[in-house]
Amino acid sequence: TINQSINVNLLVQIQQIINKTEATVDSTALIDRTTLAFDE
């Protein structure tokens, strides 16, 4: 790991991505969509 400056907004975005992944029923291309969400 490399220490970066604290960014609470980024932490909230990651939690939202995971909540959305958990709530997704259709698992088709779920990995691709989650990877894209992290890229964006």
PDB file of all heavy atoms in Angstrom:
ATOM      1  N   THR A   1       0.839  -1.196   0.000  1.00  0.00           N
ATOM      2  CA  THR A   1       0.000   0.000   0.000  1.00  0.00           C
ATOM      3  C   THR A   1       0.877   1.251   0.000  1.00  0.00           C
ATOM      4  O   THR A   1       1.995   1.235   0.502  1.00  0.00           O
ATOM      5  CB  THR A   1      -0.922   0.046   1.230  1.00  0.00           C
ATOM      6  OG1 THR A   1      -0.124   0.127   2.412  1.00  0.00           O
ATOM      7  CG2 THR A   1      -1.790  -1.186   1.299  1.00  0.00           C
ATOM      8  N   ILE A   2       0.334   2.316  -0.542  1.00  0.00           N
ATOM      9  CA  ILE A   2       0.997   3.621  -0.549  1.00  0.00           C
ATOM     10  C   ILE A   2       0.043   4.620   0.084  1.00  0.00           C
ATOM     11  O   ILE A   2      -1.109   4.753  -0.349  1.00  0.00           O
ATOM     12  CB  ILE A   2       1.353   4.070  -1.982  1.00  0.00           C
ATOM     13  CG1 ILE A   2       2.288   3.061  -2.650  1.00  0.00           C
ATOM     14  CG2 ILE A   2       2.001   5.453  -1.970  1.00  0.00           C
ATOM     15  CD1 ILE A   2       2.564   3.354  -4.107  1.00  0.00           C
ATOM     16  N   ASN A   3       0.502   5.291   1.130  1.00  0.00           N
ATOM     17  CA  ASN A   3      -0.358   6.257   1.813  1.00  0.00           C
ATOM     18  C   ASN A   3      -0.721   7.416   0.900  1.00  0.00           C
ATOM     19  O   ASN A   3       0.140   8.009   0.256  1.00  0.00           O
ATOM     20  CB  ASN A   3       0.333   6.795   3.070  1.00  0.00           C
ATOM     21  CG  ASN A   3       0.407   5.754   4.161  1.00  0.00           C
ATOM     22  OD1 ASN A   3      -0.471   4.925   4.289  1.00  0.00           O
ATOM     23  ND2 ASN A   3       1.475   5.794   4.945  1.00  0.00           N
ATOM     24  N   GLN A   4      -2.004   7.721   0.838  1.00  0.00           N
ATOM     25  CA  GLN A   4      -2.502   8.869   0.095  1.00  0.00           C
ATOM     26  C   GLN A   4      -3.175   9.814   1.082  1.00  0.00           C
ATOM     27  O   GLN A   4      -3.333   9.499   2.259  1.00  0.00           O
ATOM     28  CB  GLN A   4      -3.506   8.420  -0.983  1.00  0.00           C
ATOM     29  CG  GLN A   4      -2.970   7.391  -1.963  1.00  0.00           C
ATOM     30  CD  GLN A   4      -2.054   7.985  -3.012  1.00  0.00           C
ATOM     31  OE1 GLN A   4      -1.911   9.198  -3.094  1.00  0.00           O
ATOM     32  NE2 GLN A   4      -1.431   7.127  -3.808  1.00  0.00           N
ATOM     33  N   SER A   5      -3.584  10.967   0.593  1.00  0.00           N
ATOM     34  CA  SER A   5      -4.320  11.882   1.449  1.00  0.00           C
ATOM     35  C   SER A   5      -5.709  11.316   1.734  1.00  0.00           C
ATOM     36  O   SER A   5      -6.272  10.564   0.933  1.00  0.00           O
ATOM     37  CB  SER A   5      -4.443  13.249   0.769  1.00  0.00           C
ATOM     38  OG  SER A   5      -5.084  13.119  -0.483  1.00  0.00           O
ATOM     39  N   ILE A   6      -6.255  11.652   2.878  1.00  0.00           N
ATOM     40  CA  ILE A   6      -7.564  11.140   3.282  1.00  0.00           C
ATOM     41  C   ILE A   6      -8.639  11.673   2.336  1.00  0.00           C
ATOM     42  O   ILE A   6      -8.692  12.869   2.040  1.00  0.00           O
ATOM     43  CB  ILE A   6      -7.861  11.555   4.731  1.00  0.00           C
ATOM     44  CG1 ILE A   6      -6.859  10.886   5.675  1.00  0.00           C
ATOM     45  CG2 ILE A   6      -9.278  11.181   5.123  1.00  0.00           C
ATOM     46  CD1 ILE A   6      -6.887  11.425   7.075  1.00  0.00           C
ATOM     47  N   ASN A   7      -9.487  10.770   1.845  1.00  0.00           N
ATOM     48  CA  ASN A   7     -10.540  11.146   0.911  1.00  0.00           C
ATOM     49  C   ASN A   7     -11.805  10.374   1.273  1.00  0.00           C
ATOM     50  O   ASN A   7     -12.036   9.254   0.802  1.00  0.00           O
ATOM     51  CB  ASN A   7     -10.116  10.849  -0.526  1.00  0.00           C
ATOM     52  CG  ASN A   7     -11.061  11.456  -1.556  1.00  0.00           C
ATOM     53  OD1 ASN A   7     -12.246  11.641  -1.287  1.00  0.00           O
ATOM     54  ND2 ASN A   7     -10.543  11.766  -2.727  1.00  0.00           N
ATOM     55  N   VAL A   8     -12.632  10.946   2.129  1.00  0.00           N
ATOM     56  CA  VAL A   8     -13.837  10.272   2.601  1.00  0.00           C
ATOM     57  C   VAL A   8     -14.841  10.087   1.466  1.00  0.00           C
ATOM     58  O   VAL A   8     -15.569   9.090   1.426  1.00  0.00           O
ATOM     59  CB  VAL A   8     -14.471  11.072   3.765  1.00  0.00           C
ATOM     60  CG1 VAL A   8     -15.759  10.405   4.244  1.00  0.00           C
ATOM     61  CG2 VAL A   8     -13.482  11.196   4.919  1.00  0.00           C
ATOM     62  N   ASN A   9     -14.870  11.021   0.519  1.00  0.00           N
ATOM     63  CA  ASN A   9     -15.771  10.902  -0.624  1.00  0.00           C
ATOM     64  C   ASN A   9     -15.493   9.616  -1.406  1.00  0.00           C
ATOM     65  O   ASN A   9     -16.416   8.916  -1.832  1.00  0.00           O
ATOM     66  CB  ASN A   9     -15.609  12.118  -1.538  1.00  0.00           C
ATOM     67  CG  ASN A   9     -16.470  12.024  -2.778  1.00  0.00           C
ATOM     68  OD1 ASN A   9     -17.658  11.718  -2.719  1.00  0.00           O
ATOM     69  ND2 ASN A   9     -15.882  12.270  -3.938  1.00  0.00           N
ATOM     70  N   LEU A  10     -14.221   9.286  -1.570  1.00  0.00           N
ATOM     71  CA  LEU A  10     -13.846   8.065  -2.285  1.00  0.00           C
ATOM     72  C   LEU A  10     -14.283   6.829  -1.495  1.00  0.00           C
ATOM     73  O   LEU A  10     -14.755   5.842  -2.079  1.00  0.00           O
ATOM     74  CB  LEU A  10     -12.338   8.047  -2.515  1.00  0.00           C
ATOM     75  CG  LEU A  10     -11.831   7.066  -3.572  1.00  0.00           C
ATOM     76  CD1 LEU A  10     -12.300   7.498  -4.952  1.00  0.00           C
ATOM     77  CD2 LEU A  10     -10.321   6.985  -3.547  1.00  0.00           C
ATOM     78  N   LEU A  11     -14.151   6.862  -0.188  1.00  0.00           N
ATOM     79  CA  LEU A  11     -14.570   5.733   0.636  1.00  0.00           C
ATOM     80  C   LEU A  11     -16.079   5.501   0.529  1.00  0.00           C
ATOM     81  O   LEU A  11     -16.537   4.351   0.468  1.00  0.00           O
ATOM     82  CB  LEU A  11     -14.181   5.985   2.102  1.00  0.00           C
ATOM     83  CG  LEU A  11     -12.705   6.267   2.388  1.00  0.00           C
ATOM     84  CD1 LEU A  11     -12.478   6.429   3.886  1.00  0.00           C
ATOM     85  CD2 LEU A  11     -11.819   5.165   1.840  1.00  0.00           C
ATOM     86  N   VAL A  12     -16.832   6.576   0.489  1.00  0.00           N
ATOM     87  CA  VAL A  12     -18.281   6.464   0.345  1.00  0.00           C
ATOM     88  C   VAL A  12     -18.649   5.877  -1.015  1.00  0.00           C
ATOM     89  O   VAL A  12     -19.548   5.027  -1.134  1.00  0.00           O
ATOM     90  CB  VAL A  12     -18.948   7.843   0.536  1.00  0.00           C
ATOM     91  CG1 VAL A  12     -20.438   7.778   0.191  1.00  0.00           C
ATOM     92  CG2 VAL A  12     -18.759   8.333   1.963  1.00  0.00           C
ATOM     93  N   GLN A  13     -17.945   6.303  -2.060  1.00  0.00           N
ATOM     94  CA  GLN A  13     -18.208   5.764  -3.393  1.00  0.00           C
ATOM     95  C   GLN A  13     -17.964   4.259  -3.452  1.00  0.00           C
ATOM     96  O   GLN A  13     -18.755   3.509  -4.049  1.00  0.00           O
ATOM     97  CB  GLN A  13     -17.311   6.454  -4.425  1.00  0.00           C
ATOM     98  CG  GLN A  13     -17.636   7.909  -4.693  1.00  0.00           C
ATOM     99  CD  GLN A  13     -16.712   8.493  -5.751  1.00  0.00           C
ATOM    100  OE1 GLN A  13     -16.719   8.077  -6.908  1.00  0.00           O
ATOM    101  NE2 GLN A  13     -15.886   9.441  -5.343  1.00  0.00           N
ATOM    102  N   ILE A  14     -16.896   3.797  -2.819  1.00  0.00           N
ATOM    103  CA  ILE A  14     -16.592   2.361  -2.816  1.00  0.00           C
ATOM    104  C   ILE A  14     -17.682   1.584  -2.082  1.00  0.00           C
ATOM    105  O   ILE A  14     -18.127   0.523  -2.535  1.00  0.00           O
ATOM    106  CB  ILE A  14     -15.215   2.117  -2.167  1.00  0.00           C
ATOM    107  CG1 ILE A  14     -14.103   2.715  -3.036  1.00  0.00           C
ATOM    108  CG2 ILE A  14     -14.970   0.625  -1.956  1.00  0.00           C
ATOM    109  CD1 ILE A  14     -12.722   2.661  -2.406  1.00  0.00           C
ATOM    110  N   GLN A  15     -18.133   2.120  -0.972  1.00  0.00           N
ATOM    111  CA  GLN A  15     -19.208   1.446  -0.235  1.00  0.00           C
ATOM    112  C   GLN A  15     -20.486   1.393  -1.061  1.00  0.00           C
ATOM    113  O   GLN A  15     -21.208   0.374  -1.045  1.00  0.00           O
ATOM    114  CB  GLN A  15     -19.458   2.163   1.087  1.00  0.00           C
ATOM    115  CG  GLN A  15     -20.428   1.427   1.993  1.00  0.00           C
ATOM    116  CD  GLN A  15     -20.410   1.952   3.413  1.00  0.00           C
ATOM    117  OE1 GLN A  15     -19.853   3.008   3.673  1.00  0.00           O
ATOM    118  NE2 GLN A  15     -21.007   1.218   4.330  1.00  0.00           N
ATOM    119  N   GLN A  16     -20.775   2.443  -1.801  1.00  0.00           N
ATOM    120  CA  GLN A  16     -21.954   2.447  -2.659  1.00  0.00           C
ATOM    121  C   GLN A  16     -21.840   1.406  -3.772  1.00  0.00           C
ATOM    122  O   GLN A  16     -22.827   0.747  -4.128  1.00  0.00           O
ATOM    123  CB  GLN A  16     -22.156   3.844  -3.254  1.00  0.00           C
ATOM    124  CG  GLN A  16     -22.588   4.890  -2.233  1.00  0.00           C
ATOM    125  CD  GLN A  16     -22.631   6.292  -2.816  1.00  0.00           C
ATOM    126  OE1 GLN A  16     -22.020   6.575  -3.853  1.00  0.00           O
ATOM    127  NE2 GLN A  16     -23.352   7.187  -2.153  1.00  0.00           N
ATOM    128  N   ILE A  17     -20.636   1.242  -4.321  1.00  0.00           N
ATOM    129  CA  ILE A  17     -20.419   0.236  -5.365  1.00  0.00           C
ATOM    130  C   ILE A  17     -20.706  -1.163  -4.817  1.00  0.00           C
ATOM    131  O   ILE A  17     -21.378  -1.983  -5.459  1.00  0.00           O
ATOM    132  CB  ILE A  17     -18.978   0.319  -5.909  1.00  0.00           C
ATOM    133  CG1 ILE A  17     -18.784   1.603  -6.703  1.00  0.00           C
ATOM    134  CG2 ILE A  17     -18.663  -0.897  -6.783  1.00  0.00           C
ATOM    135  CD1 ILE A  17     -17.343   1.852  -7.118  1.00  0.00           C
ATOM    136  N   ILE A  18     -20.204  -1.427  -3.626  1.00  0.00           N
ATOM    137  CA  ILE A  18     -20.398  -2.751  -3.032  1.00  0.00           C
ATOM    138  C   ILE A  18     -21.869  -2.989  -2.691  1.00  0.00           C
ATOM    139  O   ILE A  18     -22.402  -4.086  -2.909  1.00  0.00           O
ATOM    140  CB  ILE A  18     -19.501  -2.900  -1.787  1.00  0.00           C
ATOM    141  CG1 ILE A  18     -18.029  -2.873  -2.219  1.00  0.00           C
ATOM    142  CG2 ILE A  18     -19.804  -4.198  -1.036  1.00  0.00           C
ATOM    143  CD1 ILE A  18     -17.052  -2.824  -1.086  1.00  0.00           C
ATOM    144  N   ASN A  19     -22.542  -1.974  -2.173  1.00  0.00           N
ATOM    145  CA  ASN A  19     -23.981  -2.103  -1.899  1.00  0.00           C
ATOM    146  C   ASN A  19     -24.755  -2.410  -3.180  1.00  0.00           C
ATOM    147  O   ASN A  19     -25.668  -3.247  -3.181  1.00  0.00           O
ATOM    148  CB  ASN A  19     -24.513  -0.817  -1.264  1.00  0.00           C
ATOM    149  CG  ASN A  19     -24.006  -0.608   0.154  1.00  0.00           C
ATOM    150  OD1 ASN A  19     -23.600  -1.555   0.814  1.00  0.00           O
ATOM    151  ND2 ASN A  19     -24.040   0.627   0.621  1.00  0.00           N
ATOM    152  N   LYS A  20     -24.394  -1.749  -4.260  1.00  0.00           N
ATOM    153  CA  LYS A  20     -25.066  -1.971  -5.534  1.00  0.00           C
ATOM    154  C   LYS A  20     -24.775  -3.372  -6.065  1.00  0.00           C
ATOM    155  O   LYS A  20     -25.661  -4.039  -6.609  1.00  0.00           O
ATOM    156  CB  LYS A  20     -24.610  -0.913  -6.550  1.00  0.00           C
ATOM    157  CG  LYS A  20     -25.372  -0.959  -7.870  1.00  0.00           C
ATOM    158  CD  LYS A  20     -24.933   0.182  -8.779  1.00  0.00           C
ATOM    159  CE  LYS A  20     -25.704   0.130 -10.102  1.00  0.00           C
ATOM    160  NZ  LYS A  20     -25.297   1.246 -11.000  1.00  0.00           N
ATOM    161  N   THR A  21     -23.534  -3.837  -5.891  1.00  0.00           N
ATOM    162  CA  THR A  21     -23.165  -5.187  -6.331  1.00  0.00           C
ATOM    163  C   THR A  21     -23.949  -6.240  -5.558  1.00  0.00           C
ATOM    164  O   THR A  21     -24.436  -7.227  -6.130  1.00  0.00           O
ATOM    165  CB  THR A  21     -21.649  -5.416  -6.153  1.00  0.00           C
ATOM    166  OG1 THR A  21     -20.935  -4.427  -6.891  1.00  0.00           O
ATOM    167  CG2 THR A  21     -21.241  -6.797  -6.650  1.00  0.00           C
ATOM    168  N   GLU A  22     -24.079  -6.036  -4.242  1.00  0.00           N
ATOM    169  CA  GLU A  22     -24.824  -6.988  -3.418  1.00  0.00           C
ATOM    170  C   GLU A  22     -26.306  -7.015  -3.777  1.00  0.00           C
ATOM    171  O   GLU A  22     -26.954  -8.061  -3.684  1.00  0.00           O
ATOM    172  CB  GLU A  22     -24.668  -6.624  -1.943  1.00  0.00           C
ATOM    173  CG  GLU A  22     -23.279  -6.905  -1.385  1.00  0.00           C
ATOM    174  CD  GLU A  22     -23.144  -6.485   0.057  1.00  0.00           C
ATOM    175  OE1 GLU A  22     -23.783  -5.472   0.445  1.00  0.00           O
ATOM    176  OE2 GLU A  22     -22.403  -7.148   0.809  1.00  0.00           O
ATOM    177  N   ALA A  23     -26.827  -5.874  -4.199  1.00  0.00           N
ATOM    178  CA  ALA A  23     -28.253  -5.786  -4.503  1.00  0.00           C
ATOM    179  C   ALA A  23     -28.602  -6.256  -5.914  1.00  0.00           C
ATOM    180  O   ALA A  23     -29.779  -6.385  -6.246  1.00  0.00           O
ATOM    181  CB  ALA A  23     -28.730  -4.341  -4.318  1.00  0.00           C
ATOM    182  N   THR A  24     -27.601  -6.510  -6.748  1.00  0.00           N
ATOM    183  CA  THR A  24     -27.836  -6.915  -8.127  1.00  0.00           C
ATOM    184  C   THR A  24     -28.290  -8.367  -8.184  1.00  0.00           C
ATOM    185  O   THR A  24     -27.625  -9.264  -7.642  1.00  0.00           O
ATOM    186  CB  THR A  24     -26.555  -6.748  -8.978  1.00  0.00           C
ATOM    187  OG1 THR A  24     -26.149  -5.378  -8.921  1.00  0.00           O
ATOM    188  CG2 THR A  24     -26.818  -7.140 -10.426  1.00  0.00           C
ATOM    189  N   VAL A  25     -29.421  -8.606  -8.835  1.00  0.00           N
ATOM    190  CA  VAL A  25     -29.964  -9.957  -8.974  1.00  0.00           C
ATOM    191  C   VAL A  25     -29.362 -10.659 -10.188  1.00  0.00           C
ATOM    192  O   VAL A  25     -28.987 -11.829 -10.139  1.00  0.00           O
ATOM    193  CB  VAL A  25     -31.501  -9.908  -9.084  1.00  0.00           C
ATOM    194  CG1 VAL A  25     -32.064 -11.320  -9.288  1.00  0.00           C
ATOM    195  CG2 VAL A  25     -32.106  -9.259  -7.856  1.00  0.00           C
ATOM    196  N   ASP A  26     -29.264  -9.933 -11.294  1.00  0.00           N
ATOM    197  CA  ASP A  26     -28.716 -10.486 -12.524  1.00  0.00           C
ATOM    198  C   ASP A  26     -27.185 -10.504 -12.443  1.00  0.00           C
ATOM    199  O   ASP A  26     -26.549  -9.453 -12.424  1.00  0.00           O
ATOM    200  CB  ASP A  26     -29.183  -9.647 -13.719  1.00  0.00           C
ATOM    201  CG  ASP A  26     -28.679 -10.203 -15.045  1.00  0.00           C
ATOM    202  OD1 ASP A  26     -28.208 -11.357 -15.060  1.00  0.00           O
ATOM    203  OD2 ASP A  26     -28.759  -9.488 -16.065  1.00  0.00           O
ATOM    204  N   SER A  27     -26.600 -11.682 -12.375  1.00  0.00           N
ATOM    205  CA  SER A  27     -25.152 -11.803 -12.231  1.00  0.00           C
ATOM    206  C   SER A  27     -24.405 -11.774 -13.555  1.00  0.00           C
ATOM    207  O   SER A  27     -23.179 -11.888 -13.587  1.00  0.00           O
ATOM    208  CB  SER A  27     -24.811 -13.119 -11.504  1.00  0.00           C
ATOM    209  OG  SER A  27     -25.293 -14.232 -12.243  1.00  0.00           O
ATOM    210  N   THR A  28     -25.117 -11.581 -14.657  1.00  0.00           N
ATOM    211  CA  THR A  28     -24.481 -11.537 -15.968  1.00  0.00           C
ATOM    212  C   THR A  28     -23.577 -10.310 -16.067  1.00  0.00           C
ATOM    213  O   THR A  28     -24.020  -9.184 -15.843  1.00  0.00           O
ATOM    214  CB  THR A  28     -25.533 -11.481 -17.085  1.00  0.00           C
ATOM    215  OG1 THR A  28     -26.437 -12.585 -16.935  1.00  0.00           O
ATOM    216  CG2 THR A  28     -24.875 -11.545 -18.454  1.00  0.00           C
ATOM    217  N   ALA A  29     -22.321 -10.539 -16.393  1.00  0.00           N
ATOM    218  CA  ALA A  29     -21.334  -9.466 -16.549  1.00  0.00           C
ATOM    219  C   ALA A  29     -21.209  -8.600 -15.297  1.00  0.00           C
ATOM    220  O   ALA A  29     -20.842  -7.432 -15.375  1.00  0.00           O
ATOM    221  CB  ALA A  29     -21.678  -8.582 -17.748  1.00  0.00           C
ATOM    222  N   LEU A  30     -21.508  -9.190 -14.124  1.00  0.00           N
ATOM    223  CA  LEU A  30     -21.439  -8.424 -12.876  1.00  0.00           C
ATOM    224  C   LEU A  30     -20.004  -7.999 -12.559  1.00  0.00           C
ATOM    225  O   LEU A  30     -19.762  -6.891 -12.094  1.00  0.00           O
ATOM    226  CB  LEU A  30     -22.019  -9.254 -11.724  1.00  0.00           C
ATOM    227  CG  LEU A  30     -22.065  -8.577 -10.346  1.00  0.00           C
ATOM    228  CD1 LEU A  30     -22.872  -7.291 -10.400  1.00  0.00           C
ATOM    229  CD2 LEU A  30     -22.643  -9.529  -9.303  1.00  0.00           C
ATOM    230  N   ILE A  31     -19.056  -8.893 -12.844  1.00  0.00           N
ATOM    231  CA  ILE A  31     -17.648  -8.555 -12.593  1.00  0.00           C
ATOM    232  C   ILE A  31     -17.229  -7.384 -13.474  1.00  0.00           C
ATOM    233  O   ILE A  31     -16.540  -6.465 -13.019  1.00  0.00           O
ATOM    234  CB  ILE A  31     -16.746  -9.773 -12.847  1.00  0.00           C
ATOM    235  CG1 ILE A  31     -17.126 -10.913 -11.912  1.00  0.00           C
ATOM    236  CG2 ILE A  31     -15.277  -9.400 -12.662  1.00  0.00           C
ATOM    237  CD1 ILE A  31     -16.343 -12.192 -12.153  1.00  0.00           C
ATOM    238  N   ASP A  32     -17.641  -7.403 -14.737  1.00  0.00           N
ATOM    239  CA  ASP A  32     -17.288  -6.319 -15.661  1.00  0.00           C
ATOM    240  C   ASP A  32     -17.877  -4.995 -15.200  1.00  0.00           C
ATOM    241  O   ASP A  32     -17.196  -3.958 -15.228  1.00  0.00           O
ATOM    242  CB  ASP A  32     -17.775  -6.642 -17.073  1.00  0.00           C
ATOM    243  CG  ASP A  32     -17.033  -7.825 -17.679  1.00  0.00           C
ATOM    244  OD1 ASP A  32     -15.869  -8.027 -17.313  1.00  0.00           O
ATOM    245  OD2 ASP A  32     -17.631  -8.531 -18.509  1.00  0.00           O
ATOM    246  N   ARG A  33     -19.131  -5.040 -14.755  1.00  0.00           N
ATOM    247  CA  ARG A  33     -19.778  -3.799 -14.311  1.00  0.00           C
ATOM    248  C   ARG A  33     -19.127  -3.266 -13.037  1.00  0.00           C
ATOM    249  O   ARG A  33     -18.946  -2.051 -12.883  1.00  0.00           O
ATOM    250  CB  ARG A  33     -21.278  -4.049 -14.083  1.00  0.00           C
ATOM    251  CG  ARG A  33     -22.067  -4.335 -15.354  1.00  0.00           C
ATOM    252  CD  ARG A  33     -23.555  -4.094 -15.149  1.00  0.00           C
ATOM    253  NE  ARG A  33     -24.112  -4.948 -14.113  1.00  0.00           N
ATOM    254  CZ  ARG A  33     -24.615  -6.171 -14.325  1.00  0.00           C
ATOM    255  NH1 ARG A  33     -24.597  -6.688 -15.551  1.00  0.00           N
ATOM    256  NH2 ARG A  33     -25.128  -6.874 -13.339  1.00  0.00           N
ATOM    257  N   THR A  34     -18.780  -4.156 -12.143  1.00  0.00           N
ATOM    258  CA  THR A  34     -18.130  -3.720 -10.895  1.00  0.00           C
ATOM    259  C   THR A  34     -16.736  -3.166 -11.173  1.00  0.00           C
ATOM    260  O   THR A  34     -16.332  -2.144 -10.602  1.00  0.00           O
ATOM    261  CB  THR A  34     -18.034  -4.896  -9.906  1.00  0.00           C
ATOM    262  OG1 THR A  34     -19.338  -5.467  -9.706  1.00  0.00           O
ATOM    263  CG2 THR A  34     -17.485  -4.425  -8.572  1.00  0.00           C
ATOM    264  N   THR A  35     -15.994  -3.833 -12.060  1.00  0.00           N
ATOM    265  CA  THR A  35     -14.662  -3.344 -12.435  1.00  0.00           C
ATOM    266  C   THR A  35     -14.759  -1.966 -13.074  1.00  0.00           C
ATOM    267  O   THR A  35     -13.953  -1.073 -12.779  1.00  0.00           O
ATOM    268  CB  THR A  35     -13.987  -4.316 -13.415  1.00  0.00           C
ATOM    269  OG1 THR A  35     -13.908  -5.614 -12.820  1.00  0.00           O
ATOM    270  CG2 THR A  35     -12.598  -3.833 -13.786  1.00  0.00           C
ATOM    271  N   LEU A  36     -15.750  -1.788 -13.934  1.00  0.00           N
ATOM    272  CA  LEU A  36     -15.951  -0.487 -14.585  1.00  0.00           C
ATOM    273  C   LEU A  36     -16.278   0.588 -13.548  1.00  0.00           C
ATOM    274  O   LEU A  36     -15.802   1.728 -13.652  1.00  0.00           O
ATOM    275  CB  LEU A  36     -17.065  -0.592 -15.624  1.00  0.00           C
ATOM    276  CG  LEU A  36     -17.380   0.695 -16.404  1.00  0.00           C
ATOM    277  CD1 LEU A  36     -16.171   1.137 -17.220  1.00  0.00           C
ATOM    278  CD2 LEU A  36     -18.593   0.484 -17.320  1.00  0.00           C
ATOM    279  N   ALA A  37     -17.068   0.217 -12.554  1.00  0.00           N
ATOM    280  CA  ALA A  37     -17.416   1.183 -11.503  1.00  0.00           C
ATOM    281  C   ALA A  37     -16.168   1.624 -10.731  1.00  0.00           C
ATOM    282  O   ALA A  37     -16.016   2.806 -10.407  1.00  0.00           O
ATOM    283  CB  ALA A  37     -18.437   0.565 -10.551  1.00  0.00           C
ATOM    284  N   PHE A  38     -15.251   0.686 -10.474  1.00  0.00           N
ATOM    285  CA  PHE A  38     -13.996   1.053  -9.799  1.00  0.00           C
ATOM    286  C   PHE A  38     -13.119   1.908 -10.712  1.00  0.00           C
ATOM    287  O   PHE A  38     -12.425   2.819 -10.244  1.00  0.00           O
ATOM    288  CB  PHE A  38     -13.241  -0.200  -9.367  1.00  0.00           C
ATOM    289  CG  PHE A  38     -13.670  -0.732  -8.025  1.00  0.00           C
ATOM    290  CD1 PHE A  38     -14.615  -1.734  -7.929  1.00  0.00           C
ATOM    291  CD2 PHE A  38     -13.137  -0.217  -6.854  1.00  0.00           C
ATOM    292  CE1 PHE A  38     -15.016  -2.225  -6.688  1.00  0.00           C
ATOM    293  CE2 PHE A  38     -13.522  -0.692  -5.609  1.00  0.00           C
ATOM    294  CZ  PHE A  38     -14.478  -1.701  -5.530  1.00  0.00           C
ATOM    295  N   ASP A  39     -13.137   1.620 -12.002  1.00  0.00           N
ATOM    296  CA  ASP A  39     -12.348   2.421 -12.947  1.00  0.00           C
ATOM    297  C   ASP A  39     -12.856   3.858 -13.019  1.00  0.00           C
ATOM    298  O   ASP A  39     -12.076   4.781 -13.295  1.00  0.00           O
ATOM    299  CB  ASP A  39     -12.399   1.801 -14.343  1.00  0.00           C
ATOM    300  CG  ASP A  39     -11.647   0.479 -14.428  1.00  0.00           C
ATOM    301  OD1 ASP A  39     -10.767   0.254 -13.579  1.00  0.00           O
ATOM    302  OD2 ASP A  39     -11.951  -0.326 -15.332  1.00  0.00           O
ATOM    303  N   GLU A  40     -14.156   4.040 -12.791  1.00  0.00           N
ATOM    304  CA  GLU A  40     -14.772   5.363 -12.935  1.00  0.00           C
ATOM    305  C   GLU A  40     -14.924   6.096 -11.609  1.00  0.00           C
ATOM    306  O   GLU A  40     -15.680   7.061 -11.516  1.00  0.00           O
ATOM    307  CB  GLU A  40     -16.142   5.219 -13.602  1.00  0.00           C
ATOM    308  CG  GLU A  40     -16.058   4.717 -15.046  1.00  0.00           C
ATOM    309  CD  GLU A  40     -17.427   4.538 -15.680  1.00  0.00           C
ATOM    310  OE1 GLU A  40     -18.429   4.528 -14.919  1.00  0.00           O
ATOM    311  OE2 GLU A  40     -17.503   4.395 -16.915  1.00  0.00           O
TER     312      GLU A  40
END
